[in-house]
């Protein structure tokens, strides 16, 4: 399984601050729950990576 492997799995994604001054990305799918906590600086790096991936995807979409 990789980034380009499609799956028919429904998941819920929540992102928000915790009471411990962390940023939590919480993924729930079926019986699985995955809480991932990040320092604010790490969360900003992740956000930059998401923006870069979105920009790259837009460029690919234009080539199709």
Foldseek 3Di string as FASTA:
>chain_A
DDPPDDDPWDKDWDWDADPVQWIWIWIDTDPDIDIDTHHPVVVVVVVVVVVVVVVVVVVVVVVD
